[in-house]
Every structure is written in structure tokens, then in C-alpha cells.
Amino acid sequence: MERETTITIKGQVTIPAEIRAKLGLKPRDKVQFELEDDAVILRKSVSRIERHFGAVRVPKALDWRQEREAFEQGVAEEVAAEG
């Protein structure tokens, strides 16, 4: 797919609608440019959230009964320590 557009005085270009649709680009999305010899590759940037998704492992949650039991045990230990 080849499309031609004009560079403005500010160095801006309009990305043709077909290319925006193909890349899933919407207003305010960020894009990346990669220079490869005499060509430029345009890619949709991955958001910081998507880039770091899964970086922190979340411990498996206890069910509410186990959480309640752990809480009650903690309170009982605090009361026993005070007394």
C-alpha cells in the first residue's frame, strides 16, 4: 500500500485513513518511527500499561473465608499480646 502526502512547514504529515485504520490509530495515539536505510517504518506505540503488563506478579488471592480467618487470627494475637 503506497500513499503520498505533503509535509507542512512545521514538518507534519497526515497519515492516510487506510493506514490509520490498518494500524488501529486513533487521535492522541503515539507512534514510533524507525529509520531503516532510506525508509521509515511507522508503528503504533505500545502504551506504558501494556508494555509493563505482567511485570509484577500478583499473589493468588485467598477466598473471603480464608481472608476473614486470617484477619480474626491477627486480631486475636494482638489482643493476647496486649493482655
C-alpha atoms as a PDB file:
ATOM      1  CA  MET A   1       0.000   0.000   0.000  1.00  0.00           C
ATOM      2  CA  GLU A   2       1.542   3.290  -1.095  1.00  0.00           C
ATOM      3  CA  ARG A   3       0.087   6.693  -0.333  1.00  0.00           C
ATOM      4  CA  GLU A   4       1.531  10.143  -0.879  1.00  0.00           C
ATOM      5  CA  THR A   5       1.070  13.145   1.386  1.00  0.00           C
ATOM      6  CA  THR A   6       2.676  16.572   1.761  1.00  0.00           C
ATOM      7  CA  ILE A   7       4.883  17.730   4.635  1.00  0.00           C
ATOM      8  CA  THR A   8       3.712  21.008   6.202  1.00  0.00           C
ATOM      9  CA  ILE A   9       6.036  23.872   7.123  1.00  0.00           C
ATOM     10  CA  LYS A  10       6.007  22.510  10.699  1.00  0.00           C
ATOM     11  CA  GLY A  11       7.177  19.083   9.462  1.00  0.00           C
ATOM     12  CA  GLN A  12       3.786  17.462   9.975  1.00  0.00           C
ATOM     13  CA  VAL A  13       2.074  14.950   7.715  1.00  0.00           C
ATOM     14  CA  THR A  14      -1.401  13.465   7.614  1.00  0.00           C
ATOM     15  CA  ILE A  15      -1.410   9.697   7.907  1.00  0.00           C
ATOM     16  CA  PRO A  16      -3.874   8.439   5.286  1.00  0.00           C
ATOM     17  CA  ALA A  17      -7.111   6.982   6.648  1.00  0.00           C
ATOM     18  CA  GLU A  18      -6.410   3.494   5.246  1.00  0.00           C
ATOM     19  CA  ILE A  19      -3.089   3.331   7.095  1.00  0.00           C
ATOM     20  CA  ARG A  20      -4.582   4.694  10.341  1.00  0.00           C
ATOM     21  CA  ALA A  21      -7.308   2.053  10.121  1.00  0.00           C
ATOM     22  CA  LYS A  22      -4.818  -0.742   9.376  1.00  0.00           C
ATOM     23  CA  LEU A  23      -2.643   0.247  12.380  1.00  0.00           C
ATOM     24  CA  GLY A  24      -5.651   0.945  14.619  1.00  0.00           C
ATOM     25  CA  LEU A  25      -4.521   4.547  15.166  1.00  0.00           C
ATOM     26  CA  LYS A  26      -6.870   6.985  16.858  1.00  0.00           C
ATOM     27  CA  PRO A  27      -6.468  10.676  17.745  1.00  0.00           C
ATOM     28  CA  ARG A  28      -3.885  11.197  20.524  1.00  0.00           C
ATOM     29  CA  ASP A  29      -2.263   7.769  19.943  1.00  0.00           C
ATOM     30  CA  LYS A  30       1.513   7.746  19.931  1.00  0.00           C
ATOM     31  CA  VAL A  31       3.540   6.346  17.050  1.00  0.00           C
ATOM     32  CA  GLN A  32       7.154   5.242  16.656  1.00  0.00           C
ATOM     33  CA  PHE A  33       9.418   5.915  13.691  1.00  0.00           C
ATOM     34  CA  GLU A  34      12.202   3.513  12.794  1.00  0.00           C
ATOM     35  CA  LEU A  35      14.762   4.521  10.196  1.00  0.00           C
ATOM     36  CA  GLU A  36      15.934   1.638   8.027  1.00  0.00           C
ATOM     37  CA  ASP A  37      18.380   2.694   5.301  1.00  0.00           C
ATOM     38  CA  ASP A  38      16.393   5.198   3.220  1.00  0.00           C
ATOM     39  CA  ALA A  39      12.967   4.095   4.507  1.00  0.00           C
ATOM     40  CA  VAL A  40      10.961   4.929   7.596  1.00  0.00           C
ATOM     41  CA  ILE A  41       8.808   2.374   9.383  1.00  0.00           C
ATOM     42  CA  LEU A  42       5.803   3.757  11.267  1.00  0.00           C
ATOM     43  CA  ARG A  43       4.432   1.712  14.168  1.00  0.00           C
ATOM     44  CA  LYS A  44       1.756   2.278  16.750  1.00  0.00           C
ATOM     45  CA  SER A  45       3.424   2.728  20.148  1.00  0.00           C
ATOM     46  CA  VAL A  46       2.537   0.346  22.917  1.00  0.00           C
ATOM     47  CA  SER A  47       1.216   2.149  25.996  1.00  0.00           C
ATOM     48  CA  ARG A  48       3.228   2.075  29.217  1.00  0.00           C
ATOM     49  CA  ILE A  49       0.498   0.000  30.787  1.00  0.00           C
ATOM     50  CA  GLU A  50       0.630  -2.595  28.011  1.00  0.00           C
ATOM     51  CA  ARG A  51       4.434  -2.543  27.948  1.00  0.00           C
ATOM     52  CA  HIS A  52       4.676  -3.328  31.679  1.00  0.00           C
ATOM     53  CA  PHE A  53       1.613  -5.560  31.981  1.00  0.00           C
ATOM     54  CA  GLY A  54       2.559  -8.734  33.798  1.00  0.00           C
ATOM     55  CA  ALA A  55       5.845  -7.321  35.149  1.00  0.00           C
ATOM     56  CA  VAL A  56       4.600  -7.591  38.726  1.00  0.00           C
ATOM     57  CA  ARG A  57       3.368 -10.934  39.871  1.00  0.00           C
ATOM     58  CA  VAL A  58       0.217 -10.688  41.956  1.00  0.00           C
ATOM     59  CA  PRO A  59      -0.153 -13.362  44.609  1.00  0.00           C
ATOM     60  CA  LYS A  60      -3.206 -15.535  44.292  1.00  0.00           C
ATOM     61  CA  ALA A  61      -5.964 -14.123  46.467  1.00  0.00           C
ATOM     62  CA  LEU A  62      -7.427 -16.132  49.285  1.00  0.00           C
ATOM     63  CA  ASP A  63     -11.145 -16.685  49.251  1.00  0.00           C
ATOM     64  CA  TRP A  64     -13.127 -14.443  51.598  1.00  0.00           C
ATOM     65  CA  ARG A  65     -13.385 -17.133  54.277  1.00  0.00           C
ATOM     66  CA  GLN A  66      -9.612 -17.561  54.417  1.00  0.00           C
ATOM     67  CA  GLU A  67      -9.122 -13.791  54.492  1.00  0.00           C
ATOM     68  CA  ARG A  68     -11.678 -13.443  57.314  1.00  0.00           C
ATOM     69  CA  GLU A  69      -9.989 -16.237  59.282  1.00  0.00           C
ATOM     70  CA  ALA A  70      -6.544 -14.653  58.833  1.00  0.00           C
ATOM     71  CA  PHE A  71      -7.913 -11.278  59.967  1.00  0.00           C
ATOM     72  CA  GLU A  72      -9.578 -12.753  63.045  1.00  0.00           C
ATOM     73  CA  GLN A  73      -6.383 -14.650  63.907  1.00  0.00           C
ATOM     74  CA  GLY A  74      -4.382 -11.406  63.650  1.00  0.00           C
ATOM     75  CA  VAL A  75      -6.827  -9.558  65.914  1.00  0.00           C
ATOM     76  CA  ALA A  76      -6.763 -12.418  68.452  1.00  0.00           C
ATOM     77  CA  GLU A  77      -2.948 -12.334  68.503  1.00  0.00           C
ATOM     78  CA  GLU A  78      -2.923  -8.562  69.064  1.00  0.00           C
ATOM     79  CA  VAL A  79      -5.439  -8.844  71.923  1.00  0.00           C
ATOM     80  CA  ALA A  80      -3.447 -11.678  73.532  1.00  0.00           C
ATOM     81  CA  ALA A  81      -0.229  -9.634  73.252  1.00  0.00           C
ATOM     82  CA  GLU A  82      -1.859  -6.644  74.994  1.00  0.00           C
ATOM     83  CA  GLY A  83      -3.336  -8.666  77.811  1.00  0.00           C
END
